[in-house]
Amino acid sequence: MMLCALFQYKNMKLSKNLTLDEATKSATAIKNGISNKPSGEHLSNLIQIATKIFQPVRDHFQKPIVVSSGYRSKALNDLIGGASGSQHSKGEALDLDGSVENAYIFEFIKNNLEFDQLIWEFGDDENPDWVHVSYKTENNRGEILQAVRQNGRVIYKIWG
């Protein structure tokens, strides 16, 4: 029975092209024996971001989109030094890295989808290293930022 539950968890679809396993996979969690299984509320949030953000991006480009960082349990988030209020730990954020240029993903989300926060993560003026996007079920801010490194620190600047 335990194997069946594990199989269902790994293969659970959050949207047509995103599984729960893809949205929660973490080499750091595996290496450190940390559970990265979301609670019911966090799972509900993951389904929302998968259907409202990930799937429209995937459908638009018709190419694979990788979740380089998705859900992070509190223990995992603490271990990697993530922000205490990280939306990744609430199941509200995904870091996307595509088989198309990340700048195109950023622009598509910015111009076509409702989101809470959209961040051009590092890279250069032409292409971010990845795109951070968050979605809440209510009161999305539509905040657009750019993450840059300055004097060894990460600074978030307002986009534009």
C-alpha atoms as a PDB file:
ATOM      1  CA  MET A   1       0.000   0.000   0.000  1.00  0.00           C
ATOM      2  CA  MET A   2       2.835   2.419   0.836  1.00  0.00           C
ATOM      3  CA  LEU A   3       4.392   1.870  -2.609  1.00  0.00           C
ATOM      4  CA  CYS A   4       1.033   2.635  -4.246  1.00  0.00           C
ATOM      5  CA  ALA A   5       0.727   5.924  -2.309  1.00  0.00           C
ATOM      6  CA  LEU A   6       4.295   6.871  -3.276  1.00  0.00           C
ATOM      7  CA  PHE A   7       3.568   6.063  -6.934  1.00  0.00           C
ATOM      8  CA  GLN A   8       0.422   8.216  -6.880  1.00  0.00           C
ATOM      9  CA  TYR A   9       2.327  11.106  -5.258  1.00  0.00           C
ATOM     10  CA  LYS A  10       5.142  11.003  -7.804  1.00  0.00           C
ATOM     11  CA  ASN A  11       2.712  10.848 -10.723  1.00  0.00           C
ATOM     12  CA  MET A  12       0.061  13.277  -9.480  1.00  0.00           C
ATOM     13  CA  LYS A  13      -0.594  15.927 -12.089  1.00  0.00           C
ATOM     14  CA  LEU A  14      -0.920  19.537 -10.971  1.00  0.00           C
ATOM     15  CA  SER A  15      -1.742  20.511 -14.555  1.00  0.00           C
ATOM     16  CA  LYS A  16      -1.620  18.823 -17.955  1.00  0.00           C
ATOM     17  CA  ASN A  17       2.185  19.095 -18.180  1.00  0.00           C
ATOM     18  CA  LEU A  18       3.382  19.448 -14.584  1.00  0.00           C
ATOM     19  CA  THR A  19       3.566  16.689 -11.986  1.00  0.00           C
ATOM     20  CA  LEU A  20       3.795  17.135  -8.252  1.00  0.00           C
ATOM     21  CA  ASP A  21       7.130  15.331  -8.334  1.00  0.00           C
ATOM     22  CA  GLU A  22       8.543  17.944 -10.758  1.00  0.00           C
ATOM     23  CA  ALA A  23       7.278  20.807  -8.570  1.00  0.00           C
ATOM     24  CA  THR A  24       8.744  19.366  -5.357  1.00  0.00           C
ATOM     25  CA  LYS A  25      11.944  17.698  -6.556  1.00  0.00           C
ATOM     26  CA  SER A  26      15.014  18.795  -4.642  1.00  0.00           C
ATOM     27  CA  ALA A  27      18.450  17.184  -4.750  1.00  0.00           C
ATOM     28  CA  THR A  28      19.273  19.026  -1.514  1.00  0.00           C
ATOM     29  CA  ALA A  29      16.228  17.551   0.257  1.00  0.00           C
ATOM     30  CA  ILE A  30      17.104  14.047  -0.971  1.00  0.00           C
ATOM     31  CA  LYS A  31      20.775  14.407  -0.007  1.00  0.00           C
ATOM     32  CA  ASN A  32      19.843  15.611   3.486  1.00  0.00           C
ATOM     33  CA  GLY A  33      16.919  13.241   4.084  1.00  0.00           C
ATOM     34  CA  ILE A  34      14.414  16.101   4.318  1.00  0.00           C
ATOM     35  CA  SER A  35      10.760  15.580   3.456  1.00  0.00           C
ATOM     36  CA  ASN A  36       9.571  17.991   0.798  1.00  0.00           C
ATOM     37  CA  LYS A  37       5.945  16.860   0.676  1.00  0.00           C
ATOM     38  CA  PRO A  38       3.478  19.775   0.739  1.00  0.00           C
ATOM     39  CA  SER A  39       0.557  20.083   3.145  1.00  0.00           C
ATOM     40  CA  GLY A  40      -3.013  20.202   1.818  1.00  0.00           C
ATOM     41  CA  GLU A  41      -3.047  24.013   1.646  1.00  0.00           C
ATOM     42  CA  HIS A  42       0.342  24.121  -0.047  1.00  0.00           C
ATOM     43  CA  LEU A  43      -0.758  21.440  -2.516  1.00  0.00           C
ATOM     44  CA  SER A  44      -3.830  23.528  -3.349  1.00  0.00           C
ATOM     45  CA  ASN A  45      -1.553  26.535  -3.979  1.00  0.00           C
ATOM     46  CA  LEU A  46       0.695  24.431  -6.239  1.00  0.00           C
ATOM     47  CA  ILE A  47      -2.323  23.386  -8.293  1.00  0.00           C
ATOM     48  CA  GLN A  48      -3.290  27.048  -8.678  1.00  0.00           C
ATOM     49  CA  ILE A  49       0.138  28.204  -9.883  1.00  0.00           C
ATOM     50  CA  ALA A  50       0.409  25.172 -12.160  1.00  0.00           C
ATOM     51  CA  THR A  51      -2.923  25.907 -13.841  1.00  0.00           C
ATOM     52  CA  LYS A  52      -2.750  29.729 -13.842  1.00  0.00           C
ATOM     53  CA  ILE A  53       0.951  30.199 -14.702  1.00  0.00           C
ATOM     54  CA  PHE A  54       2.885  27.066 -15.667  1.00  0.00           C
ATOM     55  CA  GLN A  55       0.351  25.516 -18.040  1.00  0.00           C
ATOM     56  CA  PRO A  56      -0.425  28.712 -19.998  1.00  0.00           C
ATOM     57  CA  VAL A  57       3.337  29.243 -20.484  1.00  0.00           C
ATOM     58  CA  ARG A  58       3.800  25.622 -21.569  1.00  0.00           C
ATOM     59  CA  ASP A  59       0.795  25.775 -23.929  1.00  0.00           C
ATOM     60  CA  HIS A  60       1.955  29.056 -25.464  1.00  0.00           C
ATOM     61  CA  PHE A  61       5.486  27.922 -26.287  1.00  0.00           C
ATOM     62  CA  GLN A  62       4.632  24.261 -26.966  1.00  0.00           C
ATOM     63  CA  LYS A  63       8.032  23.304 -25.550  1.00  0.00           C
ATOM     64  CA  PRO A  64       9.168  21.839 -22.230  1.00  0.00           C
ATOM     65  CA  ILE A  65       9.451  24.257 -19.325  1.00  0.00           C
ATOM     66  CA  VAL A  66      11.590  23.162 -16.368  1.00  0.00           C
ATOM     67  CA  VAL A  67      10.781  23.996 -12.766  1.00  0.00           C
ATOM     68  CA  SER A  68      14.271  24.575 -11.369  1.00  0.00           C
ATOM     69  CA  SER A  69      12.852  25.368  -7.923  1.00  0.00           C
ATOM     70  CA  GLY A  70       9.297  24.817  -6.797  1.00  0.00           C
ATOM     71  CA  TYR A  71       7.849  23.937  -3.428  1.00  0.00           C
ATOM     72  CA  ARG A  72      10.228  24.026  -0.454  1.00  0.00           C
ATOM     73  CA  SER A  73       9.254  22.624   2.927  1.00  0.00           C
ATOM     74  CA  LYS A  74      10.196  24.809   5.893  1.00  0.00           C
ATOM     75  CA  ALA A  75      13.089  22.478   6.742  1.00  0.00           C
ATOM     76  CA  LEU A  76      14.431  22.631   3.166  1.00  0.00           C
ATOM     77  CA  ASN A  77      13.965  26.393   2.930  1.00  0.00           C
ATOM     78  CA  ASP A  78      15.814  26.885   6.232  1.00  0.00           C
ATOM     79  CA  LEU A  79      18.662  24.607   5.106  1.00  0.00           C
ATOM     80  CA  ILE A  80      19.259  26.516   1.859  1.00  0.00           C
ATOM     81  CA  GLY A  81      18.963  29.914   3.552  1.00  0.00           C
ATOM     82  CA  GLY A  82      15.740  30.925   1.808  1.00  0.00           C
ATOM     83  CA  ALA A  83      13.745  33.934   2.995  1.00  0.00           C
ATOM     84  CA  SER A  84      11.551  33.081   5.997  1.00  0.00           C
ATOM     85  CA  GLY A  85       8.432  34.273   4.159  1.00  0.00           C
ATOM     86  CA  SER A  86       9.365  32.650   0.845  1.00  0.00           C
ATOM     87  CA  GLN A  87       6.405  31.979  -1.384  1.00  0.00           C
ATOM     88  CA  HIS A  88       8.181  28.761  -2.413  1.00  0.00           C
ATOM     89  CA  SER A  89       7.404  27.471   1.105  1.00  0.00           C
ATOM     90  CA  LYS A  90       3.724  28.240   0.636  1.00  0.00           C
ATOM     91  CA  GLY A  91       3.485  26.491  -2.737  1.00  0.00           C
ATOM     92  CA  GLU A  92       2.893  29.870  -4.400  1.00  0.00           C
ATOM     93  CA  ALA A  93       6.140  30.234  -6.401  1.00  0.00           C
ATOM     94  CA  LEU A  94       8.018  28.502  -9.199  1.00  0.00           C
ATOM     95  CA  ASP A  95      11.377  29.238 -10.798  1.00  0.00           C
ATOM     96  CA  LEU A  96      11.089  28.523 -14.512  1.00  0.00           C
ATOM     97  CA  ASP A  97      13.837  27.707 -16.972  1.00  0.00           C
ATOM     98  CA  GLY A  98      12.752  26.954 -20.509  1.00  0.00           C
ATOM     99  CA  SER A  99      13.884  25.346 -23.683  1.00  0.00           C
ATOM    100  CA  VAL A 100      13.014  28.770 -25.111  1.00  0.00           C
ATOM    101  CA  GLU A 101      14.887  31.839 -23.931  1.00  0.00           C
ATOM    102  CA  ASN A 102      13.880  32.812 -20.420  1.00  0.00           C
ATOM    103  CA  ALA A 103      13.350  36.407 -21.591  1.00  0.00           C
ATOM    104  CA  TYR A 104      10.449  35.164 -23.728  1.00  0.00           C
ATOM    105  CA  ILE A 105       8.918  33.382 -20.732  1.00  0.00           C
ATOM    106  CA  PHE A 106       9.295  36.548 -18.643  1.00  0.00           C
ATOM    107  CA  GLU A 107       7.670  38.729 -21.325  1.00  0.00           C
ATOM    108  CA  PHE A 108       4.824  36.280 -21.920  1.00  0.00           C
ATOM    109  CA  ILE A 109       3.937  36.157 -18.234  1.00  0.00           C
ATOM    110  CA  LYS A 110       4.327  39.933 -17.843  1.00  0.00           C
ATOM    111  CA  ASN A 111       2.058  40.712 -20.783  1.00  0.00           C
ATOM    112  CA  ASN A 112      -0.534  37.944 -20.566  1.00  0.00           C
ATOM    113  CA  LEU A 113      -1.020  36.447 -17.110  1.00  0.00           C
ATOM    114  CA  GLU A 114      -2.100  37.503 -13.657  1.00  0.00           C
ATOM    115  CA  PHE A 115       0.702  37.016 -11.115  1.00  0.00           C
ATOM    116  CA  ASP A 116       1.752  38.149  -7.679  1.00  0.00           C
ATOM    117  CA  GLN A 117       5.448  38.623  -8.328  1.00  0.00           C
ATOM    118  CA  LEU A 118       7.577  38.238 -11.447  1.00  0.00           C
ATOM    119  CA  ILE A 119      11.363  38.441 -11.117  1.00  0.00           C
ATOM    120  CA  TRP A 120      14.043  38.575 -13.818  1.00  0.00           C
ATOM    121  CA  GLU A 121      16.644  36.540 -11.897  1.00  0.00           C
ATOM    122  CA  PHE A 122      20.235  37.607 -12.607  1.00  0.00           C
ATOM    123  CA  GLY A 123      21.577  36.874 -16.104  1.00  0.00           C
ATOM    124  CA  ASP A 124      22.135  39.948 -18.255  1.00  0.00           C
ATOM    125  CA  ASP A 125      20.084  42.592 -20.064  1.00  0.00           C
ATOM    126  CA  GLU A 126      19.159  40.080 -22.782  1.00  0.00           C
ATOM    127  CA  ASN A 127      18.157  36.999 -20.793  1.00  0.00           C
ATOM    128  CA  PRO A 128      17.653  36.083 -17.125  1.00  0.00           C
ATOM    129  CA  ASP A 129      19.245  32.948 -15.695  1.00  0.00           C
ATOM    130  CA  TRP A 130      15.698  31.884 -14.695  1.00  0.00           C
ATOM    131  CA  VAL A 131      12.285  33.445 -14.117  1.00  0.00           C
ATOM    132  CA  HIS A 132      10.758  33.519 -10.638  1.00  0.00           C
ATOM    133  CA  VAL A 133       6.981  33.817 -10.647  1.00  0.00           C
ATOM    134  CA  SER A 134       4.441  33.629  -7.857  1.00  0.00           C
ATOM    135  CA  TYR A 135       0.666  33.426  -7.815  1.00  0.00           C
ATOM    136  CA  LYS A 136      -1.793  33.792  -4.947  1.00  0.00           C
ATOM    137  CA  THR A 137      -5.439  32.824  -5.024  1.00  0.00           C
ATOM    138  CA  GLU A 138      -6.336  36.391  -3.951  1.00  0.00           C
ATOM    139  CA  ASN A 139      -4.796  39.858  -4.104  1.00  0.00           C
ATOM    140  CA  ASN A 140      -2.004  39.338  -6.629  1.00  0.00           C
ATOM    141  CA  ARG A 141       0.244  42.418  -6.601  1.00  0.00           C
ATOM    142  CA  GLY A 142       1.506  42.270 -10.197  1.00  0.00           C
ATOM    143  CA  GLU A 143       4.945  43.263  -8.885  1.00  0.00           C
ATOM    144  CA  ILE A 144       7.794  43.088 -11.431  1.00  0.00           C
ATOM    145  CA  LEU A 145      11.391  43.063 -10.196  1.00  0.00           C
ATOM    146  CA  GLN A 146      14.939  42.345 -11.312  1.00  0.00           C
ATOM    147  CA  ALA A 147      17.398  40.493  -9.066  1.00  0.00           C
ATOM    148  CA  VAL A 148      21.019  41.616  -9.329  1.00  0.00           C
ATOM    149  CA  ARG A 149      24.144  40.970  -7.290  1.00  0.00           C
ATOM    150  CA  GLN A 150      25.747  44.056  -5.813  1.00  0.00           C
ATOM    151  CA  ASN A 151      28.734  43.954  -3.432  1.00  0.00           C
ATOM    152  CA  GLY A 152      28.088  40.276  -2.706  1.00  0.00           C
ATOM    153  CA  ARG A 153      24.408  40.843  -1.869  1.00  0.00           C
ATOM    154  CA  VAL A 154      21.226  40.220  -3.818  1.00  0.00           C
ATOM    155  CA  ILE A 155      19.317  43.420  -4.563  1.00  0.00           C
ATOM    156  CA  TYR A 156      15.787  43.529  -5.999  1.00  0.00           C
ATOM    157  CA  LYS A 157      15.132  46.511  -8.236  1.00  0.00           C
ATOM    158  CA  ILE A 158      11.785  47.580  -9.628  1.00  0.00           C
ATOM    159  CA  TRP A 159      11.582  46.505 -13.263  1.00  0.00           C
ATOM    160  CA  GLY A 160      11.764  49.136 -15.926  1.00  0.00           C
END
